[in-house]
Amino acid sequence: MYTRHTAEVAPLRVGTQTDTLGESPIWGDRGQCLYWVETRRPAIRRRHPERGRIDRWAMPDLMASIAPPDEDRLLVALFDGVSGRLEAFARPPEVVPGHRFNDGWA
């Protein structure tokens, strides 16, 4: 059985940028920062609360989720292909046109 807890929390705007579709927020313990995916303009964003800075890494294709496999890297679910410092971890058995990964869980 699951117990649902609710709290009244006011929303907080993170940065001044406008994300079209921000998804998959995860907290990075080591760097004490928040990561999320900007799905429609493919990028990973990272916010350092103490520094008030937001970093952005453009991605080569649509994506929807990220996960921290270890302290120094992120696992990124991409549509297809890799570039730059990205390296393939696994490929889906079949690529279906128009589909993408969504809501990954670590």
PDB file of N, CA and C in Angstrom:
ATOM      1  N   MET A   1       0.848  -1.174   0.000  1.00  0.00           N
ATOM      2  CA  MET A   1       0.000   0.000   0.000  1.00  0.00           C
ATOM      3  C   MET A   1       0.896   1.240   0.000  1.00  0.00           C
ATOM      4  N   TYR A   2       0.484   2.223  -0.758  1.00  0.00           N
ATOM      5  CA  TYR A   2       1.212   3.488  -0.827  1.00  0.00           C
ATOM      6  C   TYR A   2       0.410   4.563  -0.116  1.00  0.00           C
ATOM      7  N   THR A   3       1.102   5.397   0.601  1.00  0.00           N
ATOM      8  CA  THR A   3       0.476   6.520   1.265  1.00  0.00           C
ATOM      9  C   THR A   3       0.797   7.775   0.475  1.00  0.00           C
ATOM     10  N   ARG A   4      -0.203   8.531   0.150  1.00  0.00           N
ATOM     11  CA  ARG A   4       0.016   9.759  -0.608  1.00  0.00           C
ATOM     12  C   ARG A   4       0.198  10.919   0.358  1.00  0.00           C
ATOM     13  N   HIS A   5       1.305  11.637   0.180  1.00  0.00           N
ATOM     14  CA  HIS A   5       1.581  12.809   0.998  1.00  0.00           C
ATOM     15  C   HIS A   5       1.449  14.042   0.132  1.00  0.00           C
ATOM     16  N   THR A   6       0.816  15.035   0.638  1.00  0.00           N
ATOM     17  CA  THR A   6       0.699  16.283  -0.102  1.00  0.00           C
ATOM     18  C   THR A   6       1.220  17.422   0.755  1.00  0.00           C
ATOM     19  N   ALA A   7       1.710  18.424   0.093  1.00  0.00           N
ATOM     20  CA  ALA A   7       2.189  19.620   0.776  1.00  0.00           C
ATOM     21  C   ALA A   7       1.883  20.817  -0.097  1.00  0.00           C
ATOM     22  N   GLU A   8       1.631  21.924   0.532  1.00  0.00           N
ATOM     23  CA  GLU A   8       1.397  23.146  -0.233  1.00  0.00           C
ATOM     24  C   GLU A   8       2.743  23.791  -0.502  1.00  0.00           C
ATOM     25  N   VAL A   9       3.114  23.791  -1.764  1.00  0.00           N
ATOM     26  CA  VAL A   9       4.394  24.349  -2.178  1.00  0.00           C
ATOM     27  C   VAL A   9       4.146  25.299  -3.339  1.00  0.00           C
ATOM     28  N   ALA A  10       4.692  26.483  -3.235  1.00  0.00           N
ATOM     29  CA  ALA A  10       4.552  27.437  -4.327  1.00  0.00           C
ATOM     30  C   ALA A  10       5.537  27.076  -5.436  1.00  0.00           C
ATOM     31  N   PRO A  11       5.116  27.178  -6.694  1.00  0.00           N
ATOM     32  CA  PRO A  11       6.052  26.885  -7.791  1.00  0.00           C
ATOM     33  C   PRO A  11       7.186  27.905  -7.818  1.00  0.00           C
ATOM     34  N   LEU A  12       8.348  27.444  -8.274  1.00  0.00           N
ATOM     35  CA  LEU A  12       9.531  28.295  -8.359  1.00  0.00           C
ATOM     36  C   LEU A  12      10.057  28.249  -9.782  1.00  0.00           C
ATOM     37  N   ARG A  13      10.194  29.393 -10.391  1.00  0.00           N
ATOM     38  CA  ARG A  13      10.758  29.449 -11.747  1.00  0.00           C
ATOM     39  C   ARG A  13      12.256  29.185 -11.655  1.00  0.00           C
ATOM     40  N   VAL A  14      12.749  28.331 -12.538  1.00  0.00           N
ATOM     41  CA  VAL A  14      14.161  27.974 -12.551  1.00  0.00           C
ATOM     42  C   VAL A  14      14.801  28.634 -13.769  1.00  0.00           C
ATOM     43  N   GLY A  15      15.508  29.729 -13.578  1.00  0.00           N
ATOM     44  CA  GLY A  15      16.169  30.434 -14.659  1.00  0.00           C
ATOM     45  C   GLY A  15      15.245  31.376 -15.400  1.00  0.00           C
ATOM     46  N   THR A  16      15.782  32.007 -16.426  1.00  0.00           N
ATOM     47  CA  THR A  16      15.006  32.956 -17.221  1.00  0.00           C
ATOM     48  C   THR A  16      14.674  32.418 -18.603  1.00  0.00           C
ATOM     49  N   GLN A  17      15.234  31.251 -18.958  1.00  0.00           N
ATOM     50  CA  GLN A  17      14.966  30.653 -20.260  1.00  0.00           C
ATOM     51  C   GLN A  17      13.547  30.106 -20.290  1.00  0.00           C
ATOM     52  N   THR A  18      13.051  29.879 -21.489  1.00  0.00           N
ATOM     53  CA  THR A  18      11.741  29.254 -21.663  1.00  0.00           C
ATOM     54  C   THR A  18      11.949  27.906 -22.323  1.00  0.00           C
ATOM     55  N   ASP A  19      11.626  26.846 -21.608  1.00  0.00           N
ATOM     56  CA  ASP A  19      11.700  25.502 -22.163  1.00  0.00           C
ATOM     57  C   ASP A  19      10.357  25.181 -22.800  1.00  0.00           C
ATOM     58  N   THR A  20      10.387  24.566 -23.969  1.00  0.00           N
ATOM     59  CA  THR A  20       9.163  24.167 -24.638  1.00  0.00           C
ATOM     60  C   THR A  20       8.516  22.999 -23.905  1.00  0.00           C
ATOM     61  N   LEU A  21       9.346  22.001 -23.552  1.00  0.00           N
ATOM     62  CA  LEU A  21       8.863  20.836 -22.821  1.00  0.00           C
ATOM     63  C   LEU A  21       9.993  20.306 -21.951  1.00  0.00           C
ATOM     64  N   GLY A  22      10.038  20.718 -20.702  1.00  0.00           N
ATOM     65  CA  GLY A  22      11.052  20.251 -19.758  1.00  0.00           C
ATOM     66  C   GLY A  22      10.585  18.972 -19.088  1.00  0.00           C
ATOM     67  N   GLU A  23      11.436  17.924 -19.110  1.00  0.00           N
ATOM     68  CA  GLU A  23      11.057  16.625 -18.552  1.00  0.00           C
ATOM     69  C   GLU A  23      12.212  16.000 -17.782  1.00  0.00           C
ATOM     70  N   SER A  24      11.894  14.923 -17.089  1.00  0.00           N
ATOM     71  CA  SER A  24      12.858  14.053 -16.416  1.00  0.00           C
ATOM     72  C   SER A  24      13.801  14.762 -15.461  1.00  0.00           C
ATOM     73  N   PRO A  25      13.285  15.553 -14.534  1.00  0.00           N
ATOM     74  CA  PRO A  25      14.198  16.199 -13.589  1.00  0.00           C
ATOM     75  C   PRO A  25      14.851  15.169 -12.667  1.00  0.00           C
ATOM     76  N   ILE A  26      16.162  15.308 -12.462  1.00  0.00           N
ATOM     77  CA  ILE A  26      16.872  14.460 -11.508  1.00  0.00           C
ATOM     78  C   ILE A  26      17.824  15.341 -10.702  1.00  0.00           C
ATOM     79  N   TRP A  27      18.064  14.954  -9.475  1.00  0.00           N
ATOM     80  CA  TRP A  27      18.967  15.675  -8.590  1.00  0.00           C
ATOM     81  C   TRP A  27      20.324  14.991  -8.594  1.00  0.00           C
ATOM     82  N   GLY A  28      21.382  15.759  -8.818  1.00  0.00           N
ATOM     83  CA  GLY A  28      22.739  15.231  -8.773  1.00  0.00           C
ATOM     84  C   GLY A  28      23.337  15.465  -7.403  1.00  0.00           C
ATOM     85  N   ASP A  29      23.455  14.416  -6.605  1.00  0.00           N
ATOM     86  CA  ASP A  29      23.963  14.540  -5.236  1.00  0.00           C
ATOM     87  C   ASP A  29      25.374  15.100  -5.178  1.00  0.00           C
ATOM     88  N   ARG A  30      26.239  14.579  -6.029  1.00  0.00           N
ATOM     89  CA  ARG A  30      27.646  14.978  -5.970  1.00  0.00           C
ATOM     90  C   ARG A  30      27.826  16.476  -6.231  1.00  0.00           C
ATOM     91  N   GLY A  31      27.205  16.971  -7.272  1.00  0.00           N
ATOM     92  CA  GLY A  31      27.343  18.390  -7.602  1.00  0.00           C
ATOM     93  C   GLY A  31      26.280  19.270  -6.980  1.00  0.00           C
ATOM     94  N   GLN A  32      25.328  18.652  -6.258  1.00  0.00           N
ATOM     95  CA  GLN A  32      24.227  19.390  -5.656  1.00  0.00           C
ATOM     96  C   GLN A  32      23.547  20.295  -6.680  1.00  0.00           C
ATOM     97  N   CYS A  33      23.094  19.672  -7.793  1.00  0.00           N
ATOM     98  CA  CYS A  33      22.463  20.437  -8.848  1.00  0.00           C
ATOM     99  C   CYS A  33      21.301  19.655  -9.458  1.00  0.00           C
ATOM    100  N   LEU A  34      20.437  20.388 -10.155  1.00  0.00           N
ATOM    101  CA  LEU A  34      19.266  19.819 -10.795  1.00  0.00           C
ATOM    102  C   LEU A  34      19.519  19.688 -12.294  1.00  0.00           C
ATOM    103  N   TYR A  35      19.247  18.499 -12.851  1.00  0.00           N
ATOM    104  CA  TYR A  35      19.343  18.257 -14.286  1.00  0.00           C
ATOM    105  C   TYR A  35      17.934  18.043 -14.829  1.00  0.00           C
ATOM    106  N   TRP A  36      17.702  18.455 -16.078  1.00  0.00           N
ATOM    107  CA  TRP A  36      16.462  18.121 -16.756  1.00  0.00           C
ATOM    108  C   TRP A  36      16.684  18.155 -18.259  1.00  0.00           C
ATOM    109  N   VAL A  37      15.698  17.622 -18.990  1.00  0.00           N
ATOM    110  CA  VAL A  37      15.756  17.512 -20.440  1.00  0.00           C
ATOM    111  C   VAL A  37      14.827  18.557 -21.046  1.00  0.00           C
ATOM    112  N   GLU A  38      15.318  19.295 -22.028  1.00  0.00           N
ATOM    113  CA  GLU A  38      14.474  20.153 -22.871  1.00  0.00           C
ATOM    114  C   GLU A  38      14.199  19.323 -24.110  1.00  0.00           C
ATOM    115  N   THR A  39      13.020  18.747 -24.184  1.00  0.00           N
ATOM    116  CA  THR A  39      12.714  17.733 -25.179  1.00  0.00           C
ATOM    117  C   THR A  39      12.604  18.272 -26.602  1.00  0.00           C
ATOM    118  N   ARG A  40      11.893  19.337 -26.814  1.00  0.00           N
ATOM    119  CA  ARG A  40      11.611  19.812 -28.169  1.00  0.00           C
ATOM    120  C   ARG A  40      12.757  20.583 -28.827  1.00  0.00           C
ATOM    121  N   ARG A  41      13.594  21.215 -28.048  1.00  0.00           N
ATOM    122  CA  ARG A  41      14.829  21.828 -28.553  1.00  0.00           C
ATOM    123  C   ARG A  41      15.928  21.046 -27.858  1.00  0.00           C
ATOM    124  N   PRO A  42      16.290  19.890 -28.386  1.00  0.00           N
ATOM    125  CA  PRO A  42      17.062  18.888 -27.654  1.00  0.00           C
ATOM    126  C   PRO A  42      18.288  19.423 -26.922  1.00  0.00           C
ATOM    127  N   ALA A  43      18.190  19.376 -25.602  1.00  0.00           N
ATOM    128  CA  ALA A  43      19.295  19.823 -24.758  1.00  0.00           C
ATOM    129  C   ALA A  43      19.133  19.239 -23.360  1.00  0.00           C
ATOM    130  N   ILE A  44      20.252  19.133 -22.671  1.00  0.00           N
ATOM    131  CA  ILE A  44      20.246  18.808 -21.242  1.00  0.00           C
ATOM    132  C   ILE A  44      20.578  20.102 -20.530  1.00  0.00           C
ATOM    133  N   ARG A  45      19.850  20.376 -19.474  1.00  0.00           N
ATOM    134  CA  ARG A  45      20.112  21.575 -18.674  1.00  0.00           C
ATOM    135  C   ARG A  45      20.514  21.153 -17.262  1.00  0.00           C
ATOM    136  N   ARG A  46      21.355  21.989 -16.659  1.00  0.00           N
ATOM    137  CA  ARG A  46      21.785  21.737 -15.272  1.00  0.00           C
ATOM    138  C   ARG A  46      21.767  23.066 -14.534  1.00  0.00           C
ATOM    139  N   ARG A  47      21.129  23.076 -13.368  1.00  0.00           N
ATOM    140  CA  ARG A  47      21.082  24.284 -12.539  1.00  0.00           C
ATOM    141  C   ARG A  47      21.840  24.060 -11.252  1.00  0.00           C
ATOM    142  N   HIS A  48      22.763  24.972 -10.986  1.00  0.00           N
ATOM    143  CA  HIS A  48      23.488  24.987  -9.721  1.00  0.00           C
ATOM    144  C   HIS A  48      22.792  26.000  -8.812  1.00  0.00           C
ATOM    145  N   PRO A  49      22.025  25.552  -7.822  1.00  0.00           N
ATOM    146  CA  PRO A  49      21.294  26.490  -6.974  1.00  0.00           C
ATOM    147  C   PRO A  49      22.188  27.527  -6.288  1.00  0.00           C
ATOM    148  N   GLU A  50      23.332  27.106  -5.779  1.00  0.00           N
ATOM    149  CA  GLU A  50      24.196  28.051  -5.069  1.00  0.00           C
ATOM    150  C   GLU A  50      24.821  29.070  -6.005  1.00  0.00           C
ATOM    151  N   ARG A  51      25.127  28.660  -7.233  1.00  0.00           N
ATOM    152  CA  ARG A  51      25.755  29.559  -8.204  1.00  0.00           C
ATOM    153  C   ARG A  51      24.725  30.353  -9.002  1.00  0.00           C
ATOM    154  N   GLY A  52      23.478  29.877  -9.015  1.00  0.00           N
ATOM    155  CA  GLY A  52      22.441  30.539  -9.790  1.00  0.00           C
ATOM    156  C   GLY A  52      22.680  30.474 -11.286  1.00  0.00           C
ATOM    157  N   ARG A  53      23.436  29.485 -11.726  1.00  0.00           N
ATOM    158  CA  ARG A  53      23.812  29.355 -13.119  1.00  0.00           C
ATOM    159  C   ARG A  53      23.097  28.154 -13.740  1.00  0.00           C
ATOM    160  N   ILE A  54      22.734  28.282 -15.024  1.00  0.00           N
ATOM    161  CA  ILE A  54      22.144  27.165 -15.757  1.00  0.00           C
ATOM    162  C   ILE A  54      23.040  26.850 -16.942  1.00  0.00           C
ATOM    163  N   ASP A  55      23.516  25.594 -16.994  1.00  0.00           N
ATOM    164  CA  ASP A  55      24.336  25.126 -18.101  1.00  0.00           C
ATOM    165  C   ASP A  55      23.435  24.419 -19.100  1.00  0.00           C
ATOM    166  N   ARG A  56      23.841  24.422 -20.373  1.00  0.00           N
ATOM    167  CA  ARG A  56      23.058  23.781 -21.414  1.00  0.00           C
ATOM    168  C   ARG A  56      23.983  23.009 -22.354  1.00  0.00           C
ATOM    169  N   TRP A  57      23.615  21.754 -22.629  1.00  0.00           N
ATOM    170  CA  TRP A  57      24.335  20.937 -23.601  1.00  0.00           C
ATOM    171  C   TRP A  57      23.353  20.547 -24.693  1.00  0.00           C
ATOM    172  N   ALA A  58      23.594  21.015 -25.924  1.00  0.00           N
ATOM    173  CA  ALA A  58      22.742  20.650 -27.056  1.00  0.00           C
ATOM    174  C   ALA A  58      22.925  19.177 -27.370  1.00  0.00           C
ATOM    175  N   MET A  59      21.848  18.504 -27.743  1.00  0.00           N
ATOM    176  CA  MET A  59      21.875  17.102 -28.107  1.00  0.00           C
ATOM    177  C   MET A  59      21.600  16.971 -29.595  1.00  0.00           C
ATOM    178  N   PRO A  60      22.088  15.896 -30.229  1.00  0.00           N
ATOM    179  CA  PRO A  60      21.955  15.750 -31.680  1.00  0.00           C
ATOM    180  C   PRO A  60      20.567  15.346 -32.160  1.00  0.00           C
ATOM    181  N   ASP A  61      19.679  14.952 -31.254  1.00  0.00           N
ATOM    182  CA  ASP A  61      18.368  14.480 -31.687  1.00  0.00           C
ATOM    183  C   ASP A  61      17.396  14.559 -30.519  1.00  0.00           C
ATOM    184  N   LEU A  62      16.115  14.303 -30.796  1.00  0.00           N
ATOM    185  CA  LEU A  62      15.107  14.307 -29.740  1.00  0.00           C
ATOM    186  C   LEU A  62      15.448  13.292 -28.654  1.00  0.00           C
ATOM    187  N   MET A  63      15.075  13.613 -27.446  1.00  0.00           N
ATOM    188  CA  MET A  63      15.286  12.725 -26.301  1.00  0.00           C
ATOM    189  C   MET A  63      14.196  13.012 -25.289  1.00  0.00           C
ATOM    190  N   ALA A  64      14.121  12.187 -24.274  1.00  0.00           N
ATOM    191  CA  ALA A  64      13.092  12.420 -23.264  1.00  0.00           C
ATOM    192  C   ALA A  64      13.534  12.105 -21.858  1.00  0.00           C
ATOM    193  N   SER A  65      14.628  11.391 -21.692  1.00  0.00           N
ATOM    194  CA  SER A  65      14.985  11.051 -20.320  1.00  0.00           C
ATOM    195  C   SER A  65      16.493  10.950 -20.147  1.00  0.00           C
ATOM    196  N   ILE A  66      16.897  11.160 -18.897  1.00  0.00           N
ATOM    197  CA  ILE A  66      18.294  11.028 -18.499  1.00  0.00           C
ATOM    198  C   ILE A  66      18.335  10.282 -17.179  1.00  0.00           C
ATOM    199  N   ALA A  67      19.454   9.655 -16.916  1.00  0.00           N
ATOM    200  CA  ALA A  67      19.654   8.941 -15.655  1.00  0.00           C
ATOM    201  C   ALA A  67      21.137   8.979 -15.329  1.00  0.00           C
ATOM    202  N   PRO A  68      21.479   9.023 -14.060  1.00  0.00           N
ATOM    203  CA  PRO A  68      22.896   9.051 -13.663  1.00  0.00           C
ATOM    204  C   PRO A  68      23.462   7.649 -13.445  1.00  0.00           C
ATOM    205  N   PRO A  69      24.175   7.059 -14.435  1.00  0.00           N
ATOM    206  CA  PRO A  69      24.738   5.729 -14.215  1.00  0.00           C
ATOM    207  C   PRO A  69      25.897   5.751 -13.225  1.00  0.00           C
ATOM    208  N   ASP A  70      26.593   6.877 -13.109  1.00  0.00           N
ATOM    209  CA  ASP A  70      27.636   7.034 -12.098  1.00  0.00           C
ATOM    210  C   ASP A  70      27.811   8.525 -11.819  1.00  0.00           C
ATOM    211  N   GLU A  71      28.799   8.887 -11.045  1.00  0.00           N
ATOM    212  CA  GLU A  71      28.960  10.265 -10.592  1.00  0.00           C
ATOM    213  C   GLU A  71      29.442  11.243 -11.657  1.00  0.00           C
ATOM    214  N   ASP A  72      30.024  10.770 -12.745  1.00  0.00           N
ATOM    215  CA  ASP A  72      30.621  11.677 -13.722  1.00  0.00           C
ATOM    216  C   ASP A  72      29.945  11.674 -15.085  1.00  0.00           C
ATOM    217  N   ARG A  73      28.893  10.878 -15.262  1.00  0.00           N
ATOM    218  CA  ARG A  73      28.246  10.780 -16.561  1.00  0.00           C
ATOM    219  C   ARG A  73      26.734  10.761 -16.398  1.00  0.00           C
ATOM    220  N   LEU A  74      26.035  10.984 -17.535  1.00  0.00           N
ATOM    221  CA  LEU A  74      24.587  10.838 -17.593  1.00  0.00           C
ATOM    222  C   LEU A  74      24.253   9.832 -18.679  1.00  0.00           C
ATOM    223  N   LEU A  75      23.237   9.031 -18.444  1.00  0.00           N
ATOM    224  CA  LEU A  75      22.705   8.139 -19.456  1.00  0.00           C
ATOM    225  C   LEU A  75      21.576   8.904 -20.138  1.00  0.00           C
ATOM    226  N   VAL A  76      21.635   9.041 -21.465  1.00  0.00           N
ATOM    227  CA  VAL A  76      20.689   9.862 -22.217  1.00  0.00           C
ATOM    228  C   VAL A  76      19.931   8.991 -23.208  1.00  0.00           C
ATOM    229  N   ALA A  77      18.610   9.008 -23.149  1.00  0.00           N
ATOM    230  CA  ALA A  77      17.787   8.268 -24.110  1.00  0.00           C
ATOM    231  C   ALA A  77      17.565   9.170 -25.319  1.00  0.00           C
ATOM    232  N   LEU A  78      18.251   8.834 -26.431  1.00  0.00           N
ATOM    233  CA  LEU A  78      18.165   9.598 -27.677  1.00  0.00           C
ATOM    234  C   LEU A  78      17.365   8.830 -28.721  1.00  0.00           C
ATOM    235  N   PHE A  79      16.880   9.556 -29.712  1.00  0.00           N
ATOM    236  CA  PHE A  79      16.194   8.937 -30.834  1.00  0.00           C
ATOM    237  C   PHE A  79      17.124   8.000 -31.584  1.00  0.00           C
ATOM    238  N   ASP A  80      18.281   8.540 -32.013  1.00  0.00           N
ATOM    239  CA  ASP A  80      19.195   7.726 -32.797  1.00  0.00           C
ATOM    240  C   ASP A  80      20.527   8.454 -32.899  1.00  0.00           C
ATOM    241  N   GLY A  81      21.597   7.689 -32.945  1.00  0.00           N
ATOM    242  CA  GLY A  81      22.914   8.261 -33.209  1.00  0.00           C
ATOM    243  C   GLY A  81      23.571   8.911 -32.004  1.00  0.00           C
ATOM    244  N   VAL A  82      24.869   9.132 -32.152  1.00  0.00           N
ATOM    245  CA  VAL A  82      25.650   9.788 -31.121  1.00  0.00           C
ATOM    246  C   VAL A  82      26.620  10.746 -31.788  1.00  0.00           C
ATOM    247  N   SER A  83      27.035  11.762 -31.050  1.00  0.00           N
ATOM    248  CA  SER A  83      28.019  12.694 -31.587  1.00  0.00           C
ATOM    249  C   SER A  83      28.791  13.310 -30.425  1.00  0.00           C
ATOM    250  N   GLY A  84      29.876  13.978 -30.740  1.00  0.00           N
ATOM    251  CA  GLY A  84      30.656  14.637 -29.704  1.00  0.00           C
ATOM    252  C   GLY A  84      31.164  13.654 -28.678  1.00  0.00           C
ATOM    253  N   ARG A  85      30.947  13.949 -27.415  1.00  0.00           N
ATOM    254  CA  ARG A  85      31.416  13.086 -26.339  1.00  0.00           C
ATOM    255  C   ARG A  85      30.385  12.037 -25.958  1.00  0.00           C
ATOM    256  N   LEU A  86      29.337  11.895 -26.758  1.00  0.00           N
ATOM    257  CA  LEU A  86      28.332  10.876 -26.489  1.00  0.00           C
ATOM    258  C   LEU A  86      28.822   9.535 -27.011  1.00  0.00           C
ATOM    259  N   GLU A  87      28.555   8.477 -26.270  1.00  0.00           N
ATOM    260  CA  GLU A  87      28.896   7.146 -26.743  1.00  0.00           C
ATOM    261  C   GLU A  87      27.700   6.236 -26.534  1.00  0.00           C
ATOM    262  N   ALA A  88      27.482   5.325 -27.477  1.00  0.00           N
ATOM    263  CA  ALA A  88      26.322   4.440 -27.432  1.00  0.00           C
ATOM    264  C   ALA A  88      26.419   3.488 -26.243  1.00  0.00           C
ATOM    265  N   PHE A  89      25.316   3.327 -25.537  1.00  0.00           N
ATOM    266  CA  PHE A  89      25.222   2.390 -24.421  1.00  0.00           C
ATOM    267  C   PHE A  89      24.449   1.156 -24.875  1.00  0.00           C
ATOM    268  N   ALA A  90      23.336   1.386 -25.568  1.00  0.00           N
ATOM    269  CA  ALA A  90      22.509   0.308 -26.121  1.00  0.00           C
ATOM    270  C   ALA A  90      21.631   0.899 -27.211  1.00  0.00           C
ATOM    271  N   ARG A  91      21.196   0.066 -28.104  1.00  0.00           N
ATOM    272  CA  ARG A  91      20.294   0.509 -29.170  1.00  0.00           C
ATOM    273  C   ARG A  91      19.008  -0.302 -29.082  1.00  0.00           C
ATOM    274  N   PRO A  92      17.867   0.342 -29.378  1.00  0.00           N
ATOM    275  CA  PRO A  92      16.614  -0.418 -29.357  1.00  0.00           C
ATOM    276  C   PRO A  92      16.619  -1.456 -30.476  1.00  0.00           C
ATOM    277  N   PRO A  93      15.919  -2.559 -30.306  1.00  0.00           N
ATOM    278  CA  PRO A  93      15.917  -3.602 -31.328  1.00  0.00           C
ATOM    279  C   PRO A  93      15.256  -3.150 -32.628  1.00  0.00           C
ATOM    280  N   GLU A  94      14.336  -2.197 -32.548  1.00  0.00           N
ATOM    281  CA  GLU A  94      13.638  -1.731 -33.746  1.00  0.00           C
ATOM    282  C   GLU A  94      13.374  -0.244 -33.594  1.00  0.00           C
ATOM    283  N   VAL A  95      13.657   0.512 -34.622  1.00  0.00           N
ATOM    284  CA  VAL A  95      13.372   1.944 -34.612  1.00  0.00           C
ATOM    285  C   VAL A  95      12.064   2.164 -35.343  1.00  0.00           C
ATOM    286  N   VAL A  96      11.102   2.770 -34.655  1.00  0.00           N
ATOM    287  CA  VAL A  96       9.785   3.029 -35.235  1.00  0.00           C
ATOM    288  C   VAL A  96       9.713   4.520 -35.570  1.00  0.00           C
ATOM    289  N   PRO A  97       9.544   4.874 -36.834  1.00  0.00           N
ATOM    290  CA  PRO A  97       9.496   6.284 -37.212  1.00  0.00           C
ATOM    291  C   PRO A  97       8.469   7.065 -36.405  1.00  0.00           C
ATOM    292  N   GLY A  98       8.885   8.209 -35.894  1.00  0.00           N
ATOM    293  CA  GLY A  98       7.982   9.069 -35.131  1.00  0.00           C
ATOM    294  C   GLY A  98       7.890   8.760 -33.650  1.00  0.00           C
ATOM    295  N   HIS A  99       8.482   7.657 -33.199  1.00  0.00           N
ATOM    296  CA  HIS A  99       8.459   7.315 -31.778  1.00  0.00           C
ATOM    297  C   HIS A  99       9.750   7.766 -31.113  1.00  0.00           C
ATOM    298  N   ARG A 100       9.688   7.972 -29.790  1.00  0.00           N
ATOM    299  CA  ARG A 100      10.872   8.335 -29.023  1.00  0.00           C
ATOM    300  C   ARG A 100      10.767   7.724 -27.631  1.00  0.00           C
ATOM    301  N   PHE A 101      11.908   7.614 -26.970  1.00  0.00           N
ATOM    302  CA  PHE A 101      11.891   7.171 -25.572  1.00  0.00           C
ATOM    303  C   PHE A 101      11.170   8.223 -24.739  1.00  0.00           C
ATOM    304  N   ASN A 102      10.564   7.796 -23.653  1.00  0.00           N
ATOM    305  CA  ASN A 102       9.867   8.745 -22.797  1.00  0.00           C
ATOM    306  C   ASN A 102       9.853   8.247 -21.361  1.00  0.00           C
ATOM    307  N   ASP A 103      10.039   9.178 -20.443  1.00  0.00           N
ATOM    308  CA  ASP A 103       9.939   8.912 -19.007  1.00  0.00           C
ATOM    309  C   ASP A 103      10.776   7.734 -18.545  1.00  0.00           C
ATOM    310  N   GLY A 104      12.074   7.828 -18.748  1.00  0.00           N
ATOM    311  CA  GLY A 104      12.977   6.777 -18.285  1.00  0.00           C
ATOM    312  C   GLY A 104      13.062   6.758 -16.771  1.00  0.00           C
ATOM    313  N   TRP A 105      13.341   5.598 -16.231  1.00  0.00           N
ATOM    314  CA  TRP A 105      13.483   5.433 -14.774  1.00  0.00           C
ATOM    315  C   TRP A 105      14.827   4.782 -14.491  1.00  0.00           C
ATOM    316  N   ALA A 106      15.506   5.305 -13.500  1.00  0.00           N
ATOM    317  CA  ALA A 106      16.787   4.728 -13.113  1.00  0.00           C
ATOM    318  C   ALA A 106      16.602   3.766 -11.973  1.00  0.00           C
TER     319      ALA A 106
END
